[in-house]
Amino acid sequence: MSLVPGTVRPRRLRSTPALRRLVSEVRLHPSELILPMFVKEGLSEPLPLGGMPGVAQHTLDSLLEAAREAVAAGVGGLMLFGIPEHKDEIGSQADDPEGILNRALSLLARELGDDTVIMADLCLDEFTSHGHCGVLDQAGGVDNDATLDRYASMALAQARAGAEVLGLSGMMDGQVAYCREALDAAGFTDTVIMGYTAKYASAFYGPFREAVDSELKGDRKTYQQDPANGREALRELGLDLAEGADIVMVKPGLPYLDVLAEVAQESIVPVWTYQVSGEYAMIEFAAAAGAIDREKAIDESLIAFKRAGSDAILTYWATEVAQRLQTEAAGHLSNSNAVGGR
């Protein structure tokens, strides 16, 4: 029995790979992918991470090598995290010009600064002996306003080192305005601030703790957002925009696609998302167990961010996916020329 005349057939637009490509609503591009990278002081060779297959803590030399590979693949930017040998209560290595993160920023800015965007994570958790994102008060809580002074000092150190984008990931109230004022007063008016507008107190950060040798005991629920709250993200968005954020972030990614979509709809500046370590690890380990198709799952997860409204994505697969996109694009061009060009 055939369908009645006039029946709509959406399947028409799915009938061939070429047609599906033509009507695709969103697509990935290498320049929209950002590679998070870890550099650790005191290493003699890269140290693979057990919780994140394919990711390593780098030496300065291996960091530069991996960065060159990413840039050659067309990745849009590099986000650096530094792990010092010495950690203390106030994270003194964070704003030391000779600290590992600032040395790494200087190296990449000098070698690759004309070809990509060098970004710095601006947070204290990698540098503190207690693992929190700020300095502690006498009661053991995170002191918001004292932490802002440390963030401003970090912002200046990272800008001087050559970072073009500062990722304010600590979720302190007023952090965007405080760092913007410090940067502008010192002449760094062109340094971009990315506000982590909606950063949730998530279980999906687990493998990241290994990546930065975290000393954290307890949790960060007093300053990171409650996973139960969505509207709160829009309140944070309004504050970050009013304080001068140039870019805003939603983190993690897949568990918060609803938040990402709402932020993207309301934001007047670019919106990025971070596919965090736990999201990465789930796909890698599920694929290793034969439960899912690894490459298809990676692509589907990244497309989900684009569909929800993300303008760029921080992902540990940035280089791999960018290389594959380049290869696929070259293949399509070659086939097109073979069919008959002018």
C-alpha atoms as a PDB file:
ATOM      1  CA  MET A   1       0.000   0.000   0.000  1.00  0.00           C
ATOM      2  CA  SER A   2       1.518   3.339  -1.043  1.00  0.00           C
ATOM      3  CA  LEU A   3       1.397   6.608   0.860  1.00  0.00           C
ATOM      4  CA  VAL A   4      -1.382   9.007   0.030  1.00  0.00           C
ATOM      5  CA  PRO A   5      -0.579  11.782  -2.495  1.00  0.00           C
ATOM      6  CA  GLY A   6       1.082  14.797  -0.970  1.00  0.00           C
ATOM      7  CA  THR A   7       2.686  12.892   1.918  1.00  0.00           C
ATOM      8  CA  VAL A   8       5.861  14.593   3.050  1.00  0.00           C
ATOM      9  CA  ARG A   9       8.965  12.410   2.744  1.00  0.00           C
ATOM     10  CA  PRO A  10      11.858  13.796   4.874  1.00  0.00           C
ATOM     11  CA  ARG A  11      13.900  10.744   3.846  1.00  0.00           C
ATOM     12  CA  ARG A  12      14.441  12.287   0.409  1.00  0.00           C
ATOM     13  CA  LEU A  13      17.146  14.522   1.907  1.00  0.00           C
ATOM     14  CA  ARG A  14      18.939  11.550   3.480  1.00  0.00           C
ATOM     15  CA  SER A  15      19.233   9.339   0.443  1.00  0.00           C
ATOM     16  CA  THR A  16      22.955   9.775  -0.446  1.00  0.00           C
ATOM     17  CA  PRO A  17      26.119  10.857   1.404  1.00  0.00           C
ATOM     18  CA  ALA A  18      26.536  13.823  -0.940  1.00  0.00           C
ATOM     19  CA  LEU A  19      22.958  15.007  -0.336  1.00  0.00           C
ATOM     20  CA  ARG A  20      23.319  14.593   3.426  1.00  0.00           C
ATOM     21  CA  ARG A  21      26.462  16.724   3.303  1.00  0.00           C
ATOM     22  CA  LEU A  22      24.683  19.377   1.244  1.00  0.00           C
ATOM     23  CA  VAL A  23      21.780  19.829   3.691  1.00  0.00           C
ATOM     24  CA  SER A  24      23.772  19.411   6.905  1.00  0.00           C
ATOM     25  CA  GLU A  25      22.663  22.082   9.388  1.00  0.00           C
ATOM     26  CA  VAL A  26      25.976  22.227  11.244  1.00  0.00           C
ATOM     27  CA  ARG A  27      29.447  20.963  10.464  1.00  0.00           C
ATOM     28  CA  LEU A  28      32.824  20.787  12.128  1.00  0.00           C
ATOM     29  CA  HIS A  29      35.831  22.786  11.013  1.00  0.00           C
ATOM     30  CA  PRO A  30      39.401  22.435  12.356  1.00  0.00           C
ATOM     31  CA  SER A  31      39.563  26.130  13.251  1.00  0.00           C
ATOM     32  CA  GLU A  32      36.687  25.644  15.709  1.00  0.00           C
ATOM     33  CA  LEU A  33      38.617  23.045  17.712  1.00  0.00           C
ATOM     34  CA  ILE A  34      40.889  23.989  20.619  1.00  0.00           C
ATOM     35  CA  LEU A  35      43.433  21.587  22.105  1.00  0.00           C
ATOM     36  CA  PRO A  36      43.923  21.558  25.894  1.00  0.00           C
ATOM     37  CA  MET A  37      47.548  20.688  26.756  1.00  0.00           C
ATOM     38  CA  PHE A  38      49.356  19.880  30.006  1.00  0.00           C
ATOM     39  CA  VAL A  39      52.971  20.827  30.671  1.00  0.00           C
ATOM     40  CA  LYS A  40      54.681  19.564  33.818  1.00  0.00           C
ATOM     41  CA  GLU A  41      57.826  20.846  35.445  1.00  0.00           C
ATOM     42  CA  GLY A  42      60.609  18.331  36.077  1.00  0.00           C
ATOM     43  CA  LEU A  43      59.718  15.737  33.433  1.00  0.00           C
ATOM     44  CA  SER A  44      62.434  14.327  31.187  1.00  0.00           C
ATOM     45  CA  GLU A  45      59.915  12.812  28.753  1.00  0.00           C
ATOM     46  CA  PRO A  46      56.140  12.933  28.216  1.00  0.00           C
ATOM     47  CA  LEU A  47      54.118  11.081  30.861  1.00  0.00           C
ATOM     48  CA  PRO A  48      51.002   9.279  29.521  1.00  0.00           C
ATOM     49  CA  LEU A  49      47.849   9.594  31.613  1.00  0.00           C
ATOM     50  CA  GLY A  50      46.198   6.351  32.674  1.00  0.00           C
ATOM     51  CA  GLY A  51      42.733   7.882  32.875  1.00  0.00           C
ATOM     52  CA  MET A  52      42.956   9.594  29.483  1.00  0.00           C
ATOM     53  CA  PRO A  53      44.374   7.253  26.825  1.00  0.00           C
ATOM     54  CA  GLY A  54      46.315   9.204  24.215  1.00  0.00           C
ATOM     55  CA  VAL A  55      46.836  12.269  26.445  1.00  0.00           C
ATOM     56  CA  ALA A  56      50.074  13.059  28.283  1.00  0.00           C
ATOM     57  CA  GLN A  57      51.733  15.535  30.579  1.00  0.00           C
ATOM     58  CA  HIS A  58      54.370  17.218  28.413  1.00  0.00           C
ATOM     59  CA  THR A  59      57.883  18.468  28.756  1.00  0.00           C
ATOM     60  CA  LEU A  60      58.533  21.834  27.159  1.00  0.00           C
ATOM     61  CA  ASP A  61      60.089  20.083  24.155  1.00  0.00           C
ATOM     62  CA  SER A  62      57.254  17.604  23.659  1.00  0.00           C
ATOM     63  CA  LEU A  63      54.712  20.376  24.224  1.00  0.00           C
ATOM     64  CA  LEU A  64      56.163  22.339  21.332  1.00  0.00           C
ATOM     65  CA  GLU A  65      56.217  19.250  19.114  1.00  0.00           C
ATOM     66  CA  ALA A  66      52.569  18.426  19.860  1.00  0.00           C
ATOM     67  CA  ALA A  67      51.622  22.077  19.418  1.00  0.00           C
ATOM     68  CA  ARG A  68      53.269  22.183  15.986  1.00  0.00           C
ATOM     69  CA  GLU A  69      51.307  19.073  14.982  1.00  0.00           C
ATOM     70  CA  ALA A  70      48.045  20.685  16.103  1.00  0.00           C
ATOM     71  CA  VAL A  71      48.761  23.915  14.254  1.00  0.00           C
ATOM     72  CA  ALA A  72      49.648  21.993  11.084  1.00  0.00           C
ATOM     73  CA  ALA A  73      46.277  20.246  11.328  1.00  0.00           C
ATOM     74  CA  GLY A  74      44.509  23.611  11.428  1.00  0.00           C
ATOM     75  CA  VAL A  75      43.437  23.522  15.082  1.00  0.00           C
ATOM     76  CA  GLY A  76      42.158  26.952  16.089  1.00  0.00           C
ATOM     77  CA  GLY A  77      43.932  27.365  19.412  1.00  0.00           C
ATOM     78  CA  LEU A  78      45.926  25.815  22.241  1.00  0.00           C
ATOM     79  CA  MET A  79      44.837  25.995  25.896  1.00  0.00           C
ATOM     80  CA  LEU A  80      47.710  25.449  28.340  1.00  0.00           C
ATOM     81  CA  PHE A  81      47.633  24.063  31.863  1.00  0.00           C
ATOM     82  CA  GLY A  82      50.813  24.051  33.957  1.00  0.00           C
ATOM     83  CA  ILE A  83      51.839  21.657  36.728  1.00  0.00           C
ATOM     84  CA  PRO A  84      54.689  22.944  38.931  1.00  0.00           C
ATOM     85  CA  GLU A  85      57.045  20.854  41.045  1.00  0.00           C
ATOM     86  CA  HIS A  86      56.382  23.068  44.062  1.00  0.00           C
ATOM     87  CA  LYS A  87      52.880  23.848  45.300  1.00  0.00           C
ATOM     88  CA  ASP A  88      51.962  26.030  48.263  1.00  0.00           C
ATOM     89  CA  GLU A  89      48.947  27.579  49.970  1.00  0.00           C
ATOM     90  CA  ILE A  90      48.680  30.583  47.650  1.00  0.00           C
ATOM     91  CA  GLY A  91      49.881  28.976  44.421  1.00  0.00           C
ATOM     92  CA  SER A  92      52.918  31.224  44.161  1.00  0.00           C
ATOM     93  CA  GLN A  93      54.182  29.531  40.997  1.00  0.00           C
ATOM     94  CA  ALA A  94      51.069  30.635  39.105  1.00  0.00           C
ATOM     95  CA  ASP A  95      52.244  34.206  38.567  1.00  0.00           C
ATOM     96  CA  ASP A  96      55.986  33.596  38.663  1.00  0.00           C
ATOM     97  CA  PRO A  97      57.441  34.594  35.265  1.00  0.00           C
ATOM     98  CA  GLU A  98      59.721  31.556  35.565  1.00  0.00           C
ATOM     99  CA  GLY A  99      56.865  29.245  36.524  1.00  0.00           C
ATOM    100  CA  ILE A 100      56.258  26.324  34.210  1.00  0.00           C
ATOM    101  CA  LEU A 101      53.001  27.645  32.736  1.00  0.00           C
ATOM    102  CA  ASN A 102      54.384  31.086  31.953  1.00  0.00           C
ATOM    103  CA  ARG A 103      57.551  29.625  30.452  1.00  0.00           C
ATOM    104  CA  ALA A 104      55.425  27.363  28.265  1.00  0.00           C
ATOM    105  CA  LEU A 105      53.254  30.266  27.171  1.00  0.00           C
ATOM    106  CA  SER A 106      56.352  32.271  26.236  1.00  0.00           C
ATOM    107  CA  LEU A 107      57.739  29.343  24.255  1.00  0.00           C
ATOM    108  CA  LEU A 108      54.577  28.744  22.232  1.00  0.00           C
ATOM    109  CA  ALA A 109      53.922  32.455  21.722  1.00  0.00           C
ATOM    110  CA  ARG A 110      57.452  32.897  20.387  1.00  0.00           C
ATOM    111  CA  GLU A 111      57.403  29.831  18.140  1.00  0.00           C
ATOM    112  CA  LEU A 112      53.766  29.657  17.022  1.00  0.00           C
ATOM    113  CA  GLY A 113      52.073  32.891  18.011  1.00  0.00           C
ATOM    114  CA  ASP A 114      51.559  34.060  14.428  1.00  0.00           C
ATOM    115  CA  ASP A 115      49.895  30.798  13.393  1.00  0.00           C
ATOM    116  CA  THR A 116      47.446  30.027  16.192  1.00  0.00           C
ATOM    117  CA  VAL A 117      45.838  31.450  19.329  1.00  0.00           C
ATOM    118  CA  ILE A 118      47.747  30.837  22.563  1.00  0.00           C
ATOM    119  CA  MET A 119      45.460  30.491  25.578  1.00  0.00           C
ATOM    120  CA  ALA A 120      46.109  30.102  29.295  1.00  0.00           C
ATOM    121  CA  ASP A 121      44.029  28.522  32.017  1.00  0.00           C
ATOM    122  CA  LEU A 122      43.761  31.164  34.729  1.00  0.00           C
ATOM    123  CA  CYS A 123      43.059  29.248  37.911  1.00  0.00           C
ATOM    124  CA  LEU A 124      44.985  28.307  41.036  1.00  0.00           C
ATOM    125  CA  ASP A 125      44.003  24.666  41.473  1.00  0.00           C
ATOM    126  CA  GLU A 126      47.056  23.306  39.612  1.00  0.00           C
ATOM    127  CA  PHE A 127      49.344  25.428  41.796  1.00  0.00           C
ATOM    128  CA  THR A 128      47.924  25.162  45.323  1.00  0.00           C
ATOM    129  CA  SER A 129      48.881  22.574  47.920  1.00  0.00           C
ATOM    130  CA  HIS A 130      45.205  22.200  48.902  1.00  0.00           C
ATOM    131  CA  GLY A 131      43.922  21.884  45.313  1.00  0.00           C
ATOM    132  CA  HIS A 132      41.263  24.578  45.512  1.00  0.00           C
ATOM    133  CA  CYS A 133      40.811  27.254  42.870  1.00  0.00           C
ATOM    134  CA  GLY A 134      41.549  30.077  45.314  1.00  0.00           C
ATOM    135  CA  VAL A 135      43.301  30.997  48.520  1.00  0.00           C
ATOM    136  CA  LEU A 136      41.776  29.794  51.786  1.00  0.00           C
ATOM    137  CA  ASP A 137      40.525  31.813  54.730  1.00  0.00           C
ATOM    138  CA  GLN A 138      41.136  30.931  58.372  1.00  0.00           C
ATOM    139  CA  ALA A 139      38.103  28.652  58.429  1.00  0.00           C
ATOM    140  CA  GLY A 140      39.345  26.665  55.427  1.00  0.00           C
ATOM    141  CA  GLY A 141      36.879  28.099  52.941  1.00  0.00           C
ATOM    142  CA  VAL A 142      37.818  29.750  49.655  1.00  0.00           C
ATOM    143  CA  ASP A 143      38.209  33.501  50.151  1.00  0.00           C
ATOM    144  CA  ASN A 144      36.610  35.026  47.052  1.00  0.00           C
ATOM    145  CA  ASP A 145      38.052  38.530  47.252  1.00  0.00           C
ATOM    146  CA  ALA A 146      41.566  37.510  48.295  1.00  0.00           C
ATOM    147  CA  THR A 147      41.533  35.096  45.361  1.00  0.00           C
ATOM    148  CA  LEU A 148      40.703  37.931  42.960  1.00  0.00           C
ATOM    149  CA  ASP A 149      43.996  39.600  43.860  1.00  0.00           C
ATOM    150  CA  ARG A 150      45.827  36.402  42.909  1.00  0.00           C
ATOM    151  CA  TYR A 151      43.860  36.123  39.663  1.00  0.00           C
ATOM    152  CA  ALA A 152      44.756  39.686  38.669  1.00  0.00           C
ATOM    153  CA  SER A 153      48.418  38.929  39.248  1.00  0.00           C
ATOM    154  CA  MET A 154      48.113  35.741  37.180  1.00  0.00           C
ATOM    155  CA  ALA A 155      46.373  37.637  34.388  1.00  0.00           C
ATOM    156  CA  LEU A 156      49.248  40.086  34.136  1.00  0.00           C
ATOM    157  CA  ALA A 157      51.863  37.327  34.235  1.00  0.00           C
ATOM    158  CA  GLN A 158      50.104  35.336  31.515  1.00  0.00           C
ATOM    159  CA  ALA A 159      49.569  38.375  29.308  1.00  0.00           C
ATOM    160  CA  ARG A 160      53.242  39.307  29.638  1.00  0.00           C
ATOM    161  CA  ALA A 161      54.163  35.728  28.733  1.00  0.00           C
ATOM    162  CA  GLY A 162      52.235  36.017  25.480  1.00  0.00           C
ATOM    163  CA  ALA A 163      48.819  34.515  26.150  1.00  0.00           C
ATOM    164  CA  GLU A 164      46.176  36.057  23.885  1.00  0.00           C
ATOM    165  CA  VAL A 165      43.165  34.506  25.628  1.00  0.00           C
ATOM    166  CA  LEU A 166      42.852  34.049  29.390  1.00  0.00           C
ATOM    167  CA  GLY A 167      40.414  31.340  30.504  1.00  0.00           C
ATOM    168  CA  LEU A 168      39.047  32.451  33.880  1.00  0.00           C
ATOM    169  CA  SER A 169      37.946  29.053  35.137  1.00  0.00           C
ATOM    170  CA  GLY A 170      37.904  29.607  38.919  1.00  0.00           C
ATOM    171  CA  MET A 171      34.233  30.672  39.245  1.00  0.00           C
ATOM    172  CA  MET A 172      34.960  33.488  41.681  1.00  0.00           C
ATOM    173  CA  ASP A 173      32.362  36.262  41.815  1.00  0.00           C
ATOM    174  CA  GLY A 174      33.634  39.367  40.020  1.00  0.00           C
ATOM    175  CA  GLN A 175      36.628  37.652  38.416  1.00  0.00           C
ATOM    176  CA  VAL A 176      36.035  39.009  34.908  1.00  0.00           C
ATOM    177  CA  ALA A 177      35.772  42.650  35.982  1.00  0.00           C
ATOM    178  CA  TYR A 178      38.723  42.371  38.365  1.00  0.00           C
ATOM    179  CA  CYS A 179      41.047  40.903  35.743  1.00  0.00           C
ATOM    180  CA  ARG A 180      39.793  43.239  33.016  1.00  0.00           C
ATOM    181  CA  GLU A 181      40.584  46.256  35.154  1.00  0.00           C
ATOM    182  CA  ALA A 182      44.055  44.952  35.988  1.00  0.00           C
ATOM    183  CA  LEU A 183      44.836  44.146  32.347  1.00  0.00           C
ATOM    184  CA  ASP A 184      43.617  47.480  31.034  1.00  0.00           C
ATOM    185  CA  ALA A 185      45.522  49.425  33.681  1.00  0.00           C
ATOM    186  CA  ALA A 186      48.730  47.665  32.631  1.00  0.00           C
ATOM    187  CA  GLY A 187      48.169  48.310  28.921  1.00  0.00           C
ATOM    188  CA  PHE A 188      46.913  44.843  27.954  1.00  0.00           C
ATOM    189  CA  THR A 189      43.698  46.158  26.466  1.00  0.00           C
ATOM    190  CA  ASP A 190      43.760  43.622  23.616  1.00  0.00           C
ATOM    191  CA  THR A 191      44.098  40.552  25.841  1.00  0.00           C
ATOM    192  CA  VAL A 192      40.910  38.500  25.523  1.00  0.00           C
ATOM    193  CA  ILE A 193      39.016  37.285  28.587  1.00  0.00           C
ATOM    194  CA  MET A 194      37.030  34.084  28.347  1.00  0.00           C
ATOM    195  CA  GLY A 195      34.691  33.784  31.294  1.00  0.00           C
ATOM    196  CA  TYR A 196      33.777  30.306  32.468  1.00  0.00           C
ATOM    197  CA  THR A 197      30.180  31.440  32.806  1.00  0.00           C
ATOM    198  CA  ALA A 198      28.662  28.061  33.646  1.00  0.00           C
ATOM    199  CA  LYS A 199      31.186  25.714  35.200  1.00  0.00           C
ATOM    200  CA  TYR A 200      29.473  22.957  37.108  1.00  0.00           C
ATOM    201  CA  ALA A 201      30.650  20.987  40.145  1.00  0.00           C
ATOM    202  CA  SER A 202      30.818  17.861  38.028  1.00  0.00           C
ATOM    203  CA  ALA A 203      31.878  14.251  38.487  1.00  0.00           C
ATOM    204  CA  PHE A 204      33.122  14.328  34.898  1.00  0.00           C
ATOM    205  CA  TYR A 205      36.341  16.128  35.872  1.00  0.00           C
ATOM    206  CA  GLY A 206      37.756  12.964  37.440  1.00  0.00           C
ATOM    207  CA  PRO A 207      40.587  12.165  34.994  1.00  0.00           C
ATOM    208  CA  PHE A 208      41.611  15.841  34.906  1.00  0.00           C
ATOM    209  CA  ARG A 209      42.654  15.546  38.559  1.00  0.00           C
ATOM    210  CA  GLU A 210      45.328  13.078  37.459  1.00  0.00           C
ATOM    211  CA  ALA A 211      46.331  15.340  34.580  1.00  0.00           C
ATOM    212  CA  VAL A 212      47.157  18.275  36.888  1.00  0.00           C
ATOM    213  CA  ASP A 213      48.352  16.210  39.899  1.00  0.00           C
ATOM    214  CA  SER A 214      45.508  17.706  41.940  1.00  0.00           C
ATOM    215  CA  GLU A 215      45.868  17.856  45.722  1.00  0.00           C
ATOM    216  CA  LEU A 216      42.147  18.465  46.227  1.00  0.00           C
ATOM    217  CA  LYS A 217      40.391  16.968  49.236  1.00  0.00           C
ATOM    218  CA  GLY A 218      36.665  17.441  49.313  1.00  0.00           C
ATOM    219  CA  ASP A 219      34.845  19.312  46.548  1.00  0.00           C
ATOM    220  CA  ARG A 220      34.263  22.716  44.950  1.00  0.00           C
ATOM    221  CA  LYS A 221      30.528  22.974  45.475  1.00  0.00           C
ATOM    222  CA  THR A 222      30.724  26.341  47.240  1.00  0.00           C
ATOM    223  CA  TYR A 223      31.898  28.085  44.077  1.00  0.00           C
ATOM    224  CA  GLN A 224      31.161  25.882  41.065  1.00  0.00           C
ATOM    225  CA  GLN A 225      27.548  25.607  39.928  1.00  0.00           C
ATOM    226  CA  ASP A 226      25.077  23.038  41.219  1.00  0.00           C
ATOM    227  CA  PRO A 227      24.268  20.504  38.463  1.00  0.00           C
ATOM    228  CA  ALA A 228      20.576  20.869  39.365  1.00  0.00           C
ATOM    229  CA  ASN A 229      20.480  24.538  38.317  1.00  0.00           C
ATOM    230  CA  GLY A 230      20.021  25.765  34.769  1.00  0.00           C
ATOM    231  CA  ARG A 231      18.556  29.271  35.151  1.00  0.00           C
ATOM    232  CA  GLU A 232      21.509  30.190  37.350  1.00  0.00           C
ATOM    233  CA  ALA A 233      23.724  29.936  34.274  1.00  0.00           C
ATOM    234  CA  LEU A 234      21.820  32.806  32.654  1.00  0.00           C
ATOM    235  CA  ARG A 235      22.370  34.910  35.768  1.00  0.00           C
ATOM    236  CA  GLU A 236      26.093  34.177  35.541  1.00  0.00           C
ATOM    237  CA  LEU A 237      25.997  35.023  31.829  1.00  0.00           C
ATOM    238  CA  GLY A 238      24.500  38.434  32.527  1.00  0.00           C
ATOM    239  CA  LEU A 239      27.179  39.177  35.100  1.00  0.00           C
ATOM    240  CA  ASP A 240      30.063  38.060  32.868  1.00  0.00           C
ATOM    241  CA  LEU A 241      28.800  40.128  29.943  1.00  0.00           C
ATOM    242  CA  ALA A 242      28.327  43.174  32.151  1.00  0.00           C
ATOM    243  CA  GLU A 243      31.882  42.753  33.469  1.00  0.00           C
ATOM    244  CA  GLY A 244      33.348  42.657  29.975  1.00  0.00           C
ATOM    245  CA  ALA A 245      33.820  39.009  29.031  1.00  0.00           C
ATOM    246  CA  ASP A 246      34.798  38.654  25.363  1.00  0.00           C
ATOM    247  CA  ILE A 247      33.905  34.947  25.203  1.00  0.00           C
ATOM    248  CA  VAL A 248      31.834  32.763  27.535  1.00  0.00           C
ATOM    249  CA  MET A 249      32.139  29.071  28.353  1.00  0.00           C
ATOM    250  CA  VAL A 250      29.880  26.180  29.362  1.00  0.00           C
ATOM    251  CA  LYS A 251      31.652  23.273  31.059  1.00  0.00           C
ATOM    252  CA  PRO A 252      31.231  20.260  30.956  1.00  0.00           C
ATOM    253  CA  GLY A 253      29.665  19.688  27.561  1.00  0.00           C
ATOM    254  CA  LEU A 254      27.371  16.717  26.936  1.00  0.00           C
ATOM    255  CA  PRO A 255      25.660  16.636  30.365  1.00  0.00           C
ATOM    256  CA  TYR A 256      24.782  20.324  29.954  1.00  0.00           C
ATOM    257  CA  LEU A 257      23.624  20.657  26.354  1.00  0.00           C
ATOM    258  CA  ASP A 258      20.410  22.306  27.563  1.00  0.00           C
ATOM    259  CA  VAL A 259      22.430  24.978  29.386  1.00  0.00           C
ATOM    260  CA  LEU A 260      24.703  25.430  26.379  1.00  0.00           C
ATOM    261  CA  ALA A 261      21.705  25.958  24.101  1.00  0.00           C
ATOM    262  CA  GLU A 262      20.169  28.561  26.423  1.00  0.00           C
ATOM    263  CA  VAL A 263      23.451  30.425  26.891  1.00  0.00           C
ATOM    264  CA  ALA A 264      24.066  30.392  23.125  1.00  0.00           C
ATOM    265  CA  GLN A 265      20.612  31.821  22.482  1.00  0.00           C
ATOM    266  CA  GLU A 266      21.108  34.671  24.959  1.00  0.00           C
ATOM    267  CA  SER A 267      24.794  35.523  24.505  1.00  0.00           C
ATOM    268  CA  ILE A 268      25.991  38.474  22.418  1.00  0.00           C
ATOM    269  CA  VAL A 269      29.588  37.171  22.441  1.00  0.00           C
ATOM    270  CA  PRO A 270      31.042  33.855  21.210  1.00  0.00           C
ATOM    271  CA  VAL A 271      30.087  30.780  23.235  1.00  0.00           C
ATOM    272  CA  TRP A 272      32.501  27.900  23.705  1.00  0.00           C
ATOM    273  CA  THR A 273      32.198  24.566  25.440  1.00  0.00           C
ATOM    274  CA  TYR A 274      34.729  22.206  26.994  1.00  0.00           C
ATOM    275  CA  GLN A 275      34.454  18.481  26.324  1.00  0.00           C
ATOM    276  CA  VAL A 276      36.003  17.534  29.646  1.00  0.00           C
ATOM    277  CA  SER A 277      38.236  14.649  30.664  1.00  0.00           C
ATOM    278  CA  GLY A 278      35.444  12.367  31.836  1.00  0.00           C
ATOM    279  CA  GLU A 279      33.554  12.751  28.576  1.00  0.00           C
ATOM    280  CA  TYR A 280      36.748  11.915  26.708  1.00  0.00           C
ATOM    281  CA  ALA A 281      37.505   8.925  28.928  1.00  0.00           C
ATOM    282  CA  MET A 282      34.014   7.439  28.630  1.00  0.00           C
ATOM    283  CA  ILE A 283      34.228   7.284  24.857  1.00  0.00           C
ATOM    284  CA  GLU A 284      37.807   6.003  24.834  1.00  0.00           C
ATOM    285  CA  PHE A 285      37.165   3.218  27.340  1.00  0.00           C
ATOM    286  CA  ALA A 286      33.807   2.240  25.864  1.00  0.00           C
ATOM    287  CA  ALA A 287      35.400   2.028  22.426  1.00  0.00           C
ATOM    288  CA  ALA A 288      38.319  -0.009  23.782  1.00  0.00           C
ATOM    289  CA  ALA A 289      35.783  -2.462  25.215  1.00  0.00           C
ATOM    290  CA  GLY A 290      34.118  -2.787  21.822  1.00  0.00           C
ATOM    291  CA  ALA A 291      30.879  -1.221  23.037  1.00  0.00           C
ATOM    292  CA  ILE A 292      30.795   1.690  20.570  1.00  0.00           C
ATOM    293  CA  ASP A 293      32.393   2.841  17.335  1.00  0.00           C
ATOM    294  CA  ARG A 294      35.081   5.252  18.568  1.00  0.00           C
ATOM    295  CA  GLU A 295      35.344   7.593  15.586  1.00  0.00           C
ATOM    296  CA  LYS A 296      31.603   7.876  15.069  1.00  0.00           C
ATOM    297  CA  ALA A 297      31.040   8.527  18.776  1.00  0.00           C
ATOM    298  CA  ILE A 298      33.675  11.275  18.799  1.00  0.00           C
ATOM    299  CA  ASP A 299      32.100  12.988  15.810  1.00  0.00           C
ATOM    300  CA  GLU A 300      28.581  12.663  17.185  1.00  0.00           C
ATOM    301  CA  SER A 301      29.590  14.214  20.503  1.00  0.00           C
ATOM    302  CA  LEU A 302      31.268  17.169  18.811  1.00  0.00           C
ATOM    303  CA  ILE A 303      28.343  17.727  16.444  1.00  0.00           C
ATOM    304  CA  ALA A 304      26.050  17.828  19.487  1.00  0.00           C
ATOM    305  CA  PHE A 305      27.947  20.869  20.794  1.00  0.00           C
ATOM    306  CA  LYS A 306      27.682  22.629  17.449  1.00  0.00           C
ATOM    307  CA  ARG A 307      23.990  21.842  17.179  1.00  0.00           C
ATOM    308  CA  ALA A 308      23.401  23.279  20.662  1.00  0.00           C
ATOM    309  CA  GLY A 309      25.087  26.512  19.604  1.00  0.00           C
ATOM    310  CA  SER A 310      28.760  26.264  20.543  1.00  0.00           C
ATOM    311  CA  ASP A 311      31.028  28.378  18.362  1.00  0.00           C
ATOM    312  CA  ALA A 312      34.196  26.485  19.342  1.00  0.00           C
ATOM    313  CA  ILE A 313      35.014  23.361  21.321  1.00  0.00           C
ATOM    314  CA  LEU A 314      37.862  22.494  23.648  1.00  0.00           C
ATOM    315  CA  THR A 315      38.524  18.806  23.091  1.00  0.00           C
ATOM    316  CA  TYR A 316      41.438  16.451  23.631  1.00  0.00           C
ATOM    317  CA  TRP A 317      40.685  15.029  20.178  1.00  0.00           C
ATOM    318  CA  ALA A 318      41.262  18.391  18.476  1.00  0.00           C
ATOM    319  CA  THR A 319      44.367  17.385  16.528  1.00  0.00           C
ATOM    320  CA  GLU A 320      43.055  13.962  15.526  1.00  0.00           C
ATOM    321  CA  VAL A 321      39.706  15.282  14.338  1.00  0.00           C
ATOM    322  CA  ALA A 322      41.271  18.264  12.556  1.00  0.00           C
ATOM    323  CA  GLN A 323      43.641  15.954  10.685  1.00  0.00           C
ATOM    324  CA  ARG A 324      40.757  13.740   9.621  1.00  0.00           C
ATOM    325  CA  LEU A 325      38.676  16.730   8.512  1.00  0.00           C
ATOM    326  CA  GLN A 326      41.602  17.949   6.419  1.00  0.00           C
ATOM    327  CA  THR A 327      41.962  14.542   4.805  1.00  0.00           C
ATOM    328  CA  GLU A 328      38.239  14.295   4.085  1.00  0.00           C
ATOM    329  CA  ALA A 329      38.160  17.810   2.619  1.00  0.00           C
ATOM    330  CA  ALA A 330      41.146  16.999   0.386  1.00  0.00           C
ATOM    331  CA  GLY A 331      39.408  13.825  -0.757  1.00  0.00           C
ATOM    332  CA  HIS A 332      36.214  15.665  -1.677  1.00  0.00           C
ATOM    333  CA  LEU A 333      38.217  18.282  -3.591  1.00  0.00           C
ATOM    334  CA  SER A 334      40.157  15.599  -5.435  1.00  0.00           C
ATOM    335  CA  ASN A 335      36.951  13.790  -6.388  1.00  0.00           C
ATOM    336  CA  SER A 336      35.381  17.047  -7.530  1.00  0.00           C
ATOM    337  CA  ASN A 337      38.334  17.840  -9.764  1.00  0.00           C
ATOM    338  CA  ALA A 338      38.305  14.327 -11.150  1.00  0.00           C
ATOM    339  CA  VAL A 339      34.649  14.627 -12.135  1.00  0.00           C
ATOM    340  CA  GLY A 340      35.456  17.613 -14.273  1.00  0.00           C
ATOM    341  CA  GLY A 341      36.611  21.080 -13.400  1.00  0.00           C
ATOM    342  CA  ARG A 342      37.530  23.973 -15.563  1.00  0.00           C
END
